[in-house]
């Protein structure tokens, strides 16, 4: 079972325009208790760039044994999307609760939720 807070490699292709592309890590943000369809809401992860420090929707993720990331990365909450579970290729790890709260706060910024 795929659960909230888990990091997975996700095949995001095909894409259009500026949508984040290719197979890359993503964090599952959908609730474990909802959904009838085999879909998960995910936030794609990209390489960290210093400029992202000024963007509150880009959540910095340091690599560690728990999350399974190989390098400093960013959860791009502006690119949140629902994907079929068939796109989830391989489990990498897990984000701790406080980082999941930061990811949720990043999504809230993007949708102006208060």
PDB file of N, CA and C in Angstrom:
ATOM      1  N   UNK A   1       0.843  -1.188   0.000  1.00  0.00           N
ATOM      2  CA  UNK A   1       0.000   0.000   0.000  1.00  0.00           C
ATOM      3  C   UNK A   1       0.883   1.245   0.000  1.00  0.00           C
ATOM      4  N   UNK A   2       0.573   2.177  -0.860  1.00  0.00           N
ATOM      5  CA  UNK A   2       1.310   3.436  -0.982  1.00  0.00           C
ATOM      6  C   UNK A   2       0.726   4.416   0.023  1.00  0.00           C
ATOM      7  N   UNK A   3       1.593   5.022   0.848  1.00  0.00           N
ATOM      8  CA  UNK A   3       1.115   5.863   1.947  1.00  0.00           C
ATOM      9  C   UNK A   3       1.634   7.289   1.874  1.00  0.00           C
ATOM     10  N   UNK A   4       0.867   8.184   2.503  1.00  0.00           N
ATOM     11  CA  UNK A   4       1.248   9.591   2.632  1.00  0.00           C
ATOM     12  C   UNK A   4       2.629   9.690   3.272  1.00  0.00           C
ATOM     13  N   UNK A   5       3.458  10.579   2.714  1.00  0.00           N
ATOM     14  CA  UNK A   5       4.795  10.814   3.256  1.00  0.00           C
ATOM     15  C   UNK A   5       5.877   9.970   2.631  1.00  0.00           C
ATOM     16  N   UNK A   6       5.486   8.955   1.849  1.00  0.00           N
ATOM     17  CA  UNK A   6       6.490   8.122   1.202  1.00  0.00           C
ATOM     18  C   UNK A   6       7.059   8.827  -0.032  1.00  0.00           C
ATOM     19  N   UNK A   7       8.347   8.603  -0.279  1.00  0.00           N
ATOM     20  CA  UNK A   7       8.996   9.080  -1.491  1.00  0.00           C
ATOM     21  C   UNK A   7       9.098   7.926  -2.467  1.00  0.00           C
ATOM     22  N   UNK A   8       8.679   8.176  -3.697  1.00  0.00           N
ATOM     23  CA  UNK A   8       8.684   7.173  -4.758  1.00  0.00           C
ATOM     24  C   UNK A   8       9.326   7.751  -6.000  1.00  0.00           C
ATOM     25  N   UNK A   9       9.951   6.904  -6.804  1.00  0.00           N
ATOM     26  CA  UNK A   9      10.297   7.293  -8.166  1.00  0.00           C
ATOM     27  C   UNK A   9       9.002   7.231  -8.953  1.00  0.00           C
ATOM     28  N   UNK A  10       8.697   8.309  -9.680  1.00  0.00           N
ATOM     29  CA  UNK A  10       7.433   8.408 -10.411  1.00  0.00           C
ATOM     30  C   UNK A  10       7.723   8.758 -11.869  1.00  0.00           C
ATOM     31  N   UNK A  11       7.122   8.014 -12.776  1.00  0.00           N
ATOM     32  CA  UNK A  11       7.264   8.292 -14.202  1.00  0.00           C
ATOM     33  C   UNK A  11       6.243   9.361 -14.580  1.00  0.00           C
ATOM     34  N   UNK A  12       6.703  10.577 -14.819  1.00  0.00           N
ATOM     35  CA  UNK A  12       5.807  11.703 -15.091  1.00  0.00           C
ATOM     36  C   UNK A  12       5.590  11.962 -16.579  1.00  0.00           C
ATOM     37  N   UNK A  13       6.251  11.200 -17.442  1.00  0.00           N
ATOM     38  CA  UNK A  13       6.082  11.397 -18.883  1.00  0.00           C
ATOM     39  C   UNK A  13       4.865  10.621 -19.382  1.00  0.00           C
ATOM     40  N   UNK A  14       4.169  11.102 -20.390  1.00  0.00           N
ATOM     41  CA  UNK A  14       4.459  12.313 -21.146  1.00  0.00           C
ATOM     42  C   UNK A  14       3.966  13.568 -20.420  1.00  0.00           C
ATOM     43  N   UNK A  15       4.592  14.668 -20.735  1.00  0.00           N
ATOM     44  CA  UNK A  15       4.224  15.956 -20.161  1.00  0.00           C
ATOM     45  C   UNK A  15       4.018  16.966 -21.284  1.00  0.00           C
ATOM     46  N   UNK A  16       3.503  18.126 -20.926  1.00  0.00           N
ATOM     47  CA  UNK A  16       3.293  19.217 -21.874  1.00  0.00           C
ATOM     48  C   UNK A  16       3.901  20.480 -21.281  1.00  0.00           C
ATOM     49  N   UNK A  17       4.529  21.299 -22.128  1.00  0.00           N
ATOM     50  CA  UNK A  17       5.026  22.611 -21.711  1.00  0.00           C
ATOM     51  C   UNK A  17       6.006  22.551 -20.558  1.00  0.00           C
ATOM     52  N   UNK A  18       5.728  23.326 -19.520  1.00  0.00           N
ATOM     53  CA  UNK A  18       6.643  23.469 -18.392  1.00  0.00           C
ATOM     54  C   UNK A  18       6.390  22.479 -17.256  1.00  0.00           C
ATOM     55  N   UNK A  19       5.522  21.493 -17.483  1.00  0.00           N
ATOM     56  CA  UNK A  19       5.307  20.480 -16.458  1.00  0.00           C
ATOM     57  C   UNK A  19       6.623  19.755 -16.196  1.00  0.00           C
ATOM     58  N   UNK A  20       6.857  19.426 -14.940  1.00  0.00           N
ATOM     59  CA  UNK A  20       8.079  18.730 -14.555  1.00  0.00           C
ATOM     60  C   UNK A  20       8.085  17.353 -15.223  1.00  0.00           C
ATOM     61  N   UNK A  21       9.234  16.967 -15.779  1.00  0.00           N
ATOM     62  CA  UNK A  21       9.312  15.814 -16.665  1.00  0.00           C
ATOM     63  C   UNK A  21      10.068  14.635 -16.069  1.00  0.00           C
ATOM     64  N   UNK A  22      10.088  13.567 -16.801  1.00  0.00           N
ATOM     65  CA  UNK A  22      10.848  12.324 -16.654  1.00  0.00           C
ATOM     66  C   UNK A  22      10.522  11.547 -15.392  1.00  0.00           C
ATOM     67  N   UNK A  23      11.242  10.481 -15.163  1.00  0.00           N
ATOM     68  CA  UNK A  23      11.073   9.697 -13.941  1.00  0.00           C
ATOM     69  C   UNK A  23      11.923  10.334 -12.867  1.00  0.00           C
ATOM     70  N   UNK A  24      11.285  10.715 -11.778  1.00  0.00           N
ATOM     71  CA  UNK A  24      11.981  11.433 -10.709  1.00  0.00           C
ATOM     72  C   UNK A  24      11.324  11.135  -9.378  1.00  0.00           C
ATOM     73  N   UNK A  25      12.000  11.473  -8.296  1.00  0.00           N
ATOM     74  CA  UNK A  25      11.376  11.281  -6.987  1.00  0.00           C
ATOM     75  C   UNK A  25      10.173  12.207  -6.810  1.00  0.00           C
ATOM     76  N   UNK A  26       9.238  11.748  -6.013  1.00  0.00           N
ATOM     77  CA  UNK A  26       8.075  12.557  -5.634  1.00  0.00           C
ATOM     78  C   UNK A  26       7.612  12.074  -4.272  1.00  0.00           C
ATOM     79  N   UNK A  27       6.986  12.993  -3.537  1.00  0.00           N
ATOM     80  CA  UNK A  27       6.432  12.630  -2.234  1.00  0.00           C
ATOM     81  C   UNK A  27       4.917  12.508  -2.360  1.00  0.00           C
ATOM     82  N   UNK A  28       4.371  11.447  -1.785  1.00  0.00           N
ATOM     83  CA  UNK A  28       2.927  11.221  -1.782  1.00  0.00           C
ATOM     84  C   UNK A  28       2.313  12.110  -0.701  1.00  0.00           C
ATOM     85  N   UNK A  29       1.343  12.952  -1.090  1.00  0.00           N
ATOM     86  CA  UNK A  29       0.717  13.867  -0.133  1.00  0.00           C
ATOM     87  C   UNK A  29      -0.756  13.568   0.099  1.00  0.00           C
ATOM     88  N   UNK A  30      -1.338  12.674  -0.703  1.00  0.00           N
ATOM     89  CA  UNK A  30      -2.756  12.374  -0.517  1.00  0.00           C
ATOM     90  C   UNK A  30      -2.983  11.601   0.779  1.00  0.00           C
ATOM     91  N   UNK A  31      -4.157  11.786   1.328  1.00  0.00           N
ATOM     92  CA  UNK A  31      -4.546  11.126   2.564  1.00  0.00           C
ATOM     93  C   UNK A  31      -4.623   9.616   2.351  1.00  0.00           C
ATOM     94  N   UNK A  32      -4.268   8.870   3.364  1.00  0.00           N
ATOM     95  CA  UNK A  32      -4.391   7.414   3.304  1.00  0.00           C
ATOM     96  C   UNK A  32      -5.845   6.955   3.367  1.00  0.00           C
ATOM     97  N   UNK A  33      -6.747   7.839   3.812  1.00  0.00           N
ATOM     98  CA  UNK A  33      -8.122   7.415   4.083  1.00  0.00           C
ATOM     99  C   UNK A  33      -9.139   7.821   3.019  1.00  0.00           C
ATOM    100  N   UNK A  34      -8.696   8.439   1.916  1.00  0.00           N
ATOM    101  CA  UNK A  34      -9.669   8.839   0.894  1.00  0.00           C
ATOM    102  C   UNK A  34      -9.287   8.283  -0.469  1.00  0.00           C
ATOM    103  N   UNK A  35     -10.256   8.265  -1.344  1.00  0.00           N
ATOM    104  CA  UNK A  35     -10.024   7.893  -2.727  1.00  0.00           C
ATOM    105  C   UNK A  35     -10.529   6.515  -3.069  1.00  0.00           C
ATOM    106  N   UNK A  36     -11.345   6.460  -4.112  1.00  0.00           N
ATOM    107  CA  UNK A  36     -11.843   5.182  -4.613  1.00  0.00           C
ATOM    108  C   UNK A  36     -11.032   4.731  -5.825  1.00  0.00           C
ATOM    109  N   UNK A  37     -10.479   5.679  -6.559  1.00  0.00           N
ATOM    110  CA  UNK A  37      -9.694   5.361  -7.749  1.00  0.00           C
ATOM    111  C   UNK A  37      -8.244   5.082  -7.365  1.00  0.00           C
ATOM    112  N   UNK A  38      -7.508   4.338  -8.199  1.00  0.00           N
ATOM    113  CA  UNK A  38      -6.101   4.054  -7.908  1.00  0.00           C
ATOM    114  C   UNK A  38      -5.205   5.247  -8.265  1.00  0.00           C
ATOM    115  N   UNK A  39      -5.474   6.385  -7.618  1.00  0.00           N
ATOM    116  CA  UNK A  39      -4.723   7.621  -7.846  1.00  0.00           C
ATOM    117  C   UNK A  39      -4.053   8.054  -6.555  1.00  0.00           C
ATOM    118  N   UNK A  40      -2.929   8.756  -6.693  1.00  0.00           N
ATOM    119  CA  UNK A  40      -2.242   9.369  -5.563  1.00  0.00           C
ATOM    120  C   UNK A  40      -1.905  10.805  -5.932  1.00  0.00           C
ATOM    121  N   UNK A  41      -2.029  11.696  -4.960  1.00  0.00           N
ATOM    122  CA  UNK A  41      -1.599  13.078  -5.159  1.00  0.00           C
ATOM    123  C   UNK A  41      -0.136  13.128  -4.758  1.00  0.00           C
ATOM    124  N   UNK A  42       0.690  13.654  -5.664  1.00  0.00           N
ATOM    125  CA  UNK A  42       2.133  13.684  -5.426  1.00  0.00           C
ATOM    126  C   UNK A  42       2.681  15.102  -5.618  1.00  0.00           C
ATOM    127  N   UNK A  43       3.833  15.353  -5.017  1.00  0.00           N
ATOM    128  CA  UNK A  43       4.607  16.577  -5.243  1.00  0.00           C
ATOM    129  C   UNK A  43       5.955  16.126  -5.804  1.00  0.00           C
ATOM    130  N   UNK A  44       6.263  16.512  -7.054  1.00  0.00           N
ATOM    131  CA  UNK A  44       7.533  16.127  -7.656  1.00  0.00           C
ATOM    132  C   UNK A  44       8.727  16.776  -6.945  1.00  0.00           C
ATOM    133  N   UNK A  45       9.853  16.093  -7.029  1.00  0.00           N
ATOM    134  CA  UNK A  45      11.091  16.561  -6.413  1.00  0.00           C
ATOM    135  C   UNK A  45      12.110  16.823  -7.516  1.00  0.00           C
ATOM    136  N   UNK A  46      12.813  17.950  -7.394  1.00  0.00           N
ATOM    137  CA  UNK A  46      13.812  18.349  -8.373  1.00  0.00           C
ATOM    138  C   UNK A  46      15.113  18.691  -7.659  1.00  0.00           C
ATOM    139  N   UNK A  47      16.176  18.919  -8.436  1.00  0.00           N
ATOM    140  CA  UNK A  47      17.458  19.327  -7.853  1.00  0.00           C
ATOM    141  C   UNK A  47      17.316  20.668  -7.147  1.00  0.00           C
ATOM    142  N   UNK A  48      18.006  20.836  -6.018  1.00  0.00           N
ATOM    143  CA  UNK A  48      17.993  22.095  -5.284  1.00  0.00           C
ATOM    144  C   UNK A  48      18.863  23.114  -6.011  1.00  0.00           C
ATOM    145  N   UNK A  49      18.361  24.331  -6.101  1.00  0.00           N
ATOM    146  CA  UNK A  49      19.116  25.469  -6.623  1.00  0.00           C
ATOM    147  C   UNK A  49      19.045  26.576  -5.587  1.00  0.00           C
ATOM    148  N   UNK A  50      20.132  27.317  -5.420  1.00  0.00           N
ATOM    149  CA  UNK A  50      20.203  28.359  -4.405  1.00  0.00           C
ATOM    150  C   UNK A  50      19.054  29.364  -4.538  1.00  0.00           C
ATOM    151  N   UNK A  51      18.644  29.662  -5.758  1.00  0.00           N
ATOM    152  CA  UNK A  51      17.550  30.616  -5.979  1.00  0.00           C
ATOM    153  C   UNK A  51      16.246  30.156  -5.316  1.00  0.00           C
ATOM    154  N   UNK A  52      16.077  28.854  -5.123  1.00  0.00           N
ATOM    155  CA  UNK A  52      14.849  28.334  -4.527  1.00  0.00           C
ATOM    156  C   UNK A  52      14.674  28.753  -3.071  1.00  0.00           C
ATOM    157  N   UNK A  53      15.743  29.161  -2.424  1.00  0.00           N
ATOM    158  CA  UNK A  53      15.659  29.577  -1.019  1.00  0.00           C
ATOM    159  C   UNK A  53      14.682  30.746  -0.843  1.00  0.00           C
ATOM    160  N   UNK A  54      14.466  31.526  -1.885  1.00  0.00           N
ATOM    161  CA  UNK A  54      13.548  32.657  -1.836  1.00  0.00           C
ATOM    162  C   UNK A  54      12.126  32.318  -2.239  1.00  0.00           C
ATOM    163  N   UNK A  55      11.864  31.072  -2.578  1.00  0.00           N
ATOM    164  CA  UNK A  55      10.538  30.648  -3.021  1.00  0.00           C
ATOM    165  C   UNK A  55       9.904  29.781  -1.933  1.00  0.00           C
ATOM    166  N   UNK A  56       8.893  30.277  -1.234  1.00  0.00           N
ATOM    167  CA  UNK A  56       8.326  29.513  -0.111  1.00  0.00           C
ATOM    168  C   UNK A  56       7.608  28.222  -0.519  1.00  0.00           C
ATOM    169  N   UNK A  57       7.322  28.029  -1.795  1.00  0.00           N
ATOM    170  CA  UNK A  57       6.668  26.802  -2.249  1.00  0.00           C
ATOM    171  C   UNK A  57       7.685  25.711  -2.615  1.00  0.00           C
ATOM    172  N   UNK A  58       8.990  26.053  -2.606  1.00  0.00           N
ATOM    173  CA  UNK A  58      10.049  25.073  -2.865  1.00  0.00           C
ATOM    174  C   UNK A  58      10.606  24.618  -1.518  1.00  0.00           C
ATOM    175  N   UNK A  59      10.350  23.382  -1.153  1.00  0.00           N
ATOM    176  CA  UNK A  59      10.714  22.869   0.166  1.00  0.00           C
ATOM    177  C   UNK A  59      12.036  22.101   0.065  1.00  0.00           C
ATOM    178  N   UNK A  60      13.047  22.591   0.768  1.00  0.00           N
ATOM    179  CA  UNK A  60      14.378  21.993   0.722  1.00  0.00           C
ATOM    180  C   UNK A  60      14.372  20.634   1.434  1.00  0.00           C
ATOM    181  N   UNK A  61      14.960  19.643   0.758  1.00  0.00           N
ATOM    182  CA  UNK A  61      15.065  18.287   1.300  1.00  0.00           C
ATOM    183  C   UNK A  61      16.530  17.867   1.277  1.00  0.00           C
ATOM    184  N   UNK A  62      17.089  17.637   2.445  1.00  0.00           N
ATOM    185  CA  UNK A  62      18.461  17.144   2.551  1.00  0.00           C
ATOM    186  C   UNK A  62      18.449  15.623   2.413  1.00  0.00           C
ATOM    187  N   UNK A  63      19.401  15.059   1.687  1.00  0.00           N
ATOM    188  CA  UNK A  63      19.422  13.596   1.550  1.00  0.00           C
ATOM    189  C   UNK A  63      19.785  12.926   2.869  1.00  0.00           C
ATOM    190  N   UNK A  64      19.125  11.808   3.150  1.00  0.00           N
ATOM    191  CA  UNK A  64      19.478  10.996   4.317  1.00  0.00           C
ATOM    192  C   UNK A  64      18.995   9.571   4.090  1.00  0.00           C
ATOM    193  N   UNK A  65      19.319   8.696   5.022  1.00  0.00           N
ATOM    194  CA  UNK A  65      18.943   7.287   4.874  1.00  0.00           C
ATOM    195  C   UNK A  65      17.434   7.091   4.903  1.00  0.00           C
ATOM    196  N   UNK A  66      16.728   7.942   5.638  1.00  0.00           N
ATOM    197  CA  UNK A  66      15.280   7.780   5.765  1.00  0.00           C
ATOM    198  C   UNK A  66      14.548   8.108   4.467  1.00  0.00           C
ATOM    199  N   UNK A  67      14.969   9.210   3.781  1.00  0.00           N
ATOM    200  CA  UNK A  67      14.233   9.595   2.582  1.00  0.00           C
ATOM    201  C   UNK A  67      14.766   8.941   1.301  1.00  0.00           C
ATOM    202  N   UNK A  68      15.997   8.449   1.331  1.00  0.00           N
ATOM    203  CA  UNK A  68      16.553   7.753   0.176  1.00  0.00           C
ATOM    204  C   UNK A  68      17.007   8.646  -0.962  1.00  0.00           C
ATOM    205  N   UNK A  69      17.020   9.969  -0.745  1.00  0.00           N
ATOM    206  CA  UNK A  69      17.489  10.879  -1.789  1.00  0.00           C
ATOM    207  C   UNK A  69      19.014  10.841  -1.872  1.00  0.00           C
ATOM    208  N   UNK A  70      19.549  11.037  -3.079  1.00  0.00           N
ATOM    209  CA  UNK A  70      20.991  10.988  -3.297  1.00  0.00           C
ATOM    210  C   UNK A  70      21.648  12.359  -3.191  1.00  0.00           C
ATOM    211  N   UNK A  71      20.853  13.427  -3.314  1.00  0.00           N
ATOM    212  CA  UNK A  71      21.428  14.781  -3.289  1.00  0.00           C
ATOM    213  C   UNK A  71      20.407  15.769  -2.739  1.00  0.00           C
ATOM    214  N   UNK A  72      20.898  16.952  -2.387  1.00  0.00           N
ATOM    215  CA  UNK A  72      20.017  18.015  -1.904  1.00  0.00           C
ATOM    216  C   UNK A  72      18.979  18.308  -2.978  1.00  0.00           C
ATOM    217  N   UNK A  73      17.725  18.354  -2.574  1.00  0.00           N
ATOM    218  CA  UNK A  73      16.622  18.436  -3.522  1.00  0.00           C
ATOM    219  C   UNK A  73      15.574  19.427  -3.038  1.00  0.00           C
ATOM    220  N   UNK A  74      14.541  19.620  -3.867  1.00  0.00           N
ATOM    221  CA  UNK A  74      13.429  20.505  -3.522  1.00  0.00           C
ATOM    222  C   UNK A  74      12.119  19.847  -3.916  1.00  0.00           C
ATOM    223  N   UNK A  75      11.156  19.859  -3.007  1.00  0.00           N
ATOM    224  CA  UNK A  75       9.792  19.451  -3.320  1.00  0.00           C
ATOM    225  C   UNK A  75       9.106  20.671  -3.926  1.00  0.00           C
ATOM    226  N   UNK A  76       8.718  20.581  -5.189  1.00  0.00           N
ATOM    227  CA  UNK A  76       8.122  21.704  -5.918  1.00  0.00           C
ATOM    228  C   UNK A  76       6.605  21.636  -5.765  1.00  0.00           C
ATOM    229  N   UNK A  77       6.094  22.271  -4.707  1.00  0.00           N
ATOM    230  CA  UNK A  77       4.668  22.168  -4.399  1.00  0.00           C
ATOM    231  C   UNK A  77       3.776  22.874  -5.418  1.00  0.00           C
ATOM    232  N   UNK A  78       4.345  23.692  -6.282  1.00  0.00           N
ATOM    233  CA  UNK A  78       3.564  24.324  -7.345  1.00  0.00           C
ATOM    234  C   UNK A  78       3.201  23.306  -8.430  1.00  0.00           C
ATOM    235  N   UNK A  79       3.904  22.176  -8.462  1.00  0.00           N
ATOM    236  CA  UNK A  79       3.681  21.155  -9.484  1.00  0.00           C
ATOM    237  C   UNK A  79       2.888  19.957  -8.956  1.00  0.00           C
ATOM    238  N   UNK A  80       2.155  20.144  -7.862  1.00  0.00           N
ATOM    239  CA  UNK A  80       1.345  19.070  -7.287  1.00  0.00           C
ATOM    240  C   UNK A  80       0.384  18.528  -8.338  1.00  0.00           C
ATOM    241  N   UNK A  81       0.183  17.201  -8.329  1.00  0.00           N
ATOM    242  CA  UNK A  81      -0.741  16.594  -9.290  1.00  0.00           C
ATOM    243  C   UNK A  81      -1.195  15.219  -8.821  1.00  0.00           C
ATOM    244  N   UNK A  82      -2.291  14.768  -9.408  1.00  0.00           N
ATOM    245  CA  UNK A  82      -2.768  13.399  -9.183  1.00  0.00           C
ATOM    246  C   UNK A  82      -2.219  12.526 -10.300  1.00  0.00           C
ATOM    247  N   UNK A  83      -1.750  11.335  -9.917  1.00  0.00           N
ATOM    248  CA  UNK A  83      -1.245  10.387 -10.910  1.00  0.00           C
ATOM    249  C   UNK A  83      -1.793   8.997 -10.598  1.00  0.00           C
ATOM    250  N   UNK A  84      -1.915   8.204 -11.633  1.00  0.00           N
ATOM    251  CA  UNK A  84      -2.292   6.809 -11.444  1.00  0.00           C
ATOM    252  C   UNK A  84      -1.165   6.094 -10.701  1.00  0.00           C
ATOM    253  N   UNK A  85      -1.530   5.180  -9.819  1.00  0.00           N
ATOM    254  CA  UNK A  85      -0.531   4.449  -9.043  1.00  0.00           C
ATOM    255  C   UNK A  85       0.435   3.674  -9.929  1.00  0.00           C
ATOM    256  N   UNK A  86       0.046   3.362 -11.167  1.00  0.00           N
ATOM    257  CA  UNK A  86       0.925   2.649 -12.092  1.00  0.00           C
ATOM    258  C   UNK A  86       2.157   3.474 -12.442  1.00  0.00           C
ATOM    259  N   UNK A  87       2.102   4.806 -12.247  1.00  0.00           N
ATOM    260  CA  UNK A  87       3.265   5.665 -12.509  1.00  0.00           C
ATOM    261  C   UNK A  87       4.319   5.572 -11.399  1.00  0.00           C
ATOM    262  N   UNK A  88       3.948   5.059 -10.238  1.00  0.00           N
ATOM    263  CA  UNK A  88       4.890   4.942  -9.126  1.00  0.00           C
ATOM    264  C   UNK A  88       5.730   3.687  -9.340  1.00  0.00           C
ATOM    265  N   UNK A  89       7.033   3.897  -9.556  1.00  0.00           N
ATOM    266  CA  UNK A  89       7.934   2.841 -10.005  1.00  0.00           C
ATOM    267  C   UNK A  89       8.613   2.108  -8.850  1.00  0.00           C
ATOM    268  N   UNK A  90       9.131   2.869  -7.878  1.00  0.00           N
ATOM    269  CA  UNK A  90       9.936   2.256  -6.815  1.00  0.00           C
ATOM    270  C   UNK A  90       9.909   3.151  -5.580  1.00  0.00           C
ATOM    271  N   UNK A  91       9.704   2.545  -4.421  1.00  0.00           N
ATOM    272  CA  UNK A  91       9.730   3.302  -3.167  1.00  0.00           C
ATOM    273  C   UNK A  91      11.179   3.624  -2.802  1.00  0.00           C
ATOM    274  N   UNK A  92      11.409   4.907  -2.435  1.00  0.00           N
ATOM    275  CA  UNK A  92      12.743   5.354  -2.038  1.00  0.00           C
ATOM    276  C   UNK A  92      12.887   5.492  -0.529  1.00  0.00           C
ATOM    277  N   UNK A  93      11.842   6.014   0.120  1.00  0.00           N
ATOM    278  CA  UNK A  93      11.938   6.267   1.546  1.00  0.00           C
ATOM    279  C   UNK A  93      10.718   6.976   2.070  1.00  0.00           C
ATOM    280  N   UNK A  94      10.931   7.781   3.116  1.00  0.00           N
ATOM    281  CA  UNK A  94       9.843   8.427   3.844  1.00  0.00           C
ATOM    282  C   UNK A  94      10.301   9.805   4.305  1.00  0.00           C
ATOM    283  N   UNK A  95       9.388  10.778   4.281  1.00  0.00           N
ATOM    284  CA  UNK A  95       9.657  12.092   4.880  1.00  0.00           C
ATOM    285  C   UNK A  95       9.091  12.106   6.288  1.00  0.00           C
ATOM    286  N   UNK A  96       9.806  12.722   7.239  1.00  0.00           N
ATOM    287  CA  UNK A  96       9.279  12.840   8.605  1.00  0.00           C
ATOM    288  C   UNK A  96       8.122  13.838   8.655  1.00  0.00           C
ATOM    289  N   UNK A  97       7.315  13.733   9.717  1.00  0.00           N
ATOM    290  CA  UNK A  97       6.144  14.590   9.899  1.00  0.00           C
ATOM    291  C   UNK A  97       6.398  16.082   9.731  1.00  0.00           C
ATOM    292  N   UNK A  98       7.451  16.648  10.367  1.00  0.00           N
ATOM    293  CA  UNK A  98       7.680  18.083  10.224  1.00  0.00           C
ATOM    294  C   UNK A  98       7.924  18.519   8.770  1.00  0.00           C
ATOM    295  N   UNK A  99       8.620  17.703   7.982  1.00  0.00           N
ATOM    296  CA  UNK A  99       8.826  18.052   6.579  1.00  0.00           C
ATOM    297  C   UNK A  99       7.534  17.916   5.786  1.00  0.00           C
ATOM    298  N   UNK A 100       6.695  16.944   6.140  1.00  0.00           N
ATOM    299  CA  UNK A 100       5.400  16.826   5.475  1.00  0.00           C
ATOM    300  C   UNK A 100       4.535  18.049   5.761  1.00  0.00           C
ATOM    301  N   UNK A 101       4.653  18.604   6.971  1.00  0.00           N
ATOM    302  CA  UNK A 101       3.930  19.835   7.295  1.00  0.00           C
ATOM    303  C   UNK A 101       4.425  20.986   6.429  1.00  0.00           C
ATOM    304  N   UNK A 102       5.731  21.050   6.175  1.00  0.00           N
ATOM    305  CA  UNK A 102       6.282  22.094   5.298  1.00  0.00           C
ATOM    306  C   UNK A 102       5.763  21.930   3.871  1.00  0.00           C
ATOM    307  N   UNK A 103       5.700  20.687   3.398  1.00  0.00           N
ATOM    308  CA  UNK A 103       5.176  20.429   2.052  1.00  0.00           C
ATOM    309  C   UNK A 103       3.707  20.860   1.974  1.00  0.00           C
ATOM    310  N   UNK A 104       2.902  20.500   2.965  1.00  0.00           N
ATOM    311  CA  UNK A 104       1.493  20.905   2.989  1.00  0.00           C
ATOM    312  C   UNK A 104       1.369  22.428   3.027  1.00  0.00           C
ATOM    313  N   UNK A 105       2.228  23.087   3.786  1.00  0.00           N
ATOM    314  CA  UNK A 105       2.211  24.559   3.853  1.00  0.00           C
ATOM    315  C   UNK A 105       2.581  25.161   2.496  1.00  0.00           C
ATOM    316  N   UNK A 106       3.514  24.522   1.786  1.00  0.00           N
ATOM    317  CA  UNK A 106       3.873  24.993   0.442  1.00  0.00           C
ATOM    318  C   UNK A 106       2.701  24.907  -0.510  1.00  0.00           C
ATOM    319  N   UNK A 107       1.947  23.814  -0.434  1.00  0.00           N
ATOM    320  CA  UNK A 107       0.749  23.675  -1.271  1.00  0.00           C
ATOM    321  C   UNK A 107      -0.261  24.756  -0.896  1.00  0.00           C
ATOM    322  N   UNK A 108      -0.436  25.008   0.396  1.00  0.00           N
ATOM    323  CA  UNK A 108      -1.374  26.045   0.859  1.00  0.00           C
ATOM    324  C   UNK A 108      -0.995  27.414   0.294  1.00  0.00           C
ATOM    325  N   UNK A 109       0.292  27.709   0.222  1.00  0.00           N
ATOM    326  CA  UNK A 109       0.748  28.984  -0.363  1.00  0.00           C
ATOM    327  C   UNK A 109       0.310  29.061  -1.820  1.00  0.00           C
ATOM    328  N   UNK A 110       0.487  27.973  -2.558  1.00  0.00           N
ATOM    329  CA  UNK A 110       0.181  27.961  -3.990  1.00  0.00           C
ATOM    330  C   UNK A 110      -1.300  28.141  -4.288  1.00  0.00           C
ATOM    331  N   UNK A 111      -2.164  27.703  -3.368  1.00  0.00           N
ATOM    332  CA  UNK A 111      -3.608  27.810  -3.618  1.00  0.00           C
ATOM    333  C   UNK A 111      -4.249  28.910  -2.762  1.00  0.00           C
ATOM    334  N   UNK A 112      -3.419  29.702  -2.091  1.00  0.00           N
ATOM    335  CA  UNK A 112      -3.875  30.807  -1.226  1.00  0.00           C
ATOM    336  C   UNK A 112      -4.852  30.335  -0.164  1.00  0.00           C
ATOM    337  N   UNK A 113      -4.542  29.176   0.424  1.00  0.00           N
ATOM    338  CA  UNK A 113      -5.359  28.642   1.518  1.00  0.00           C
ATOM    339  C   UNK A 113      -4.841  29.178   2.834  1.00  0.00           C
ATOM    340  N   UNK A 114      -5.733  29.640   3.676  1.00  0.00           N
ATOM    341  CA  UNK A 114      -5.308  30.216   4.977  1.00  0.00           C
ATOM    342  C   UNK A 114      -5.921  29.488   6.102  1.00  0.00           C
TER     343      UNK A 114
END
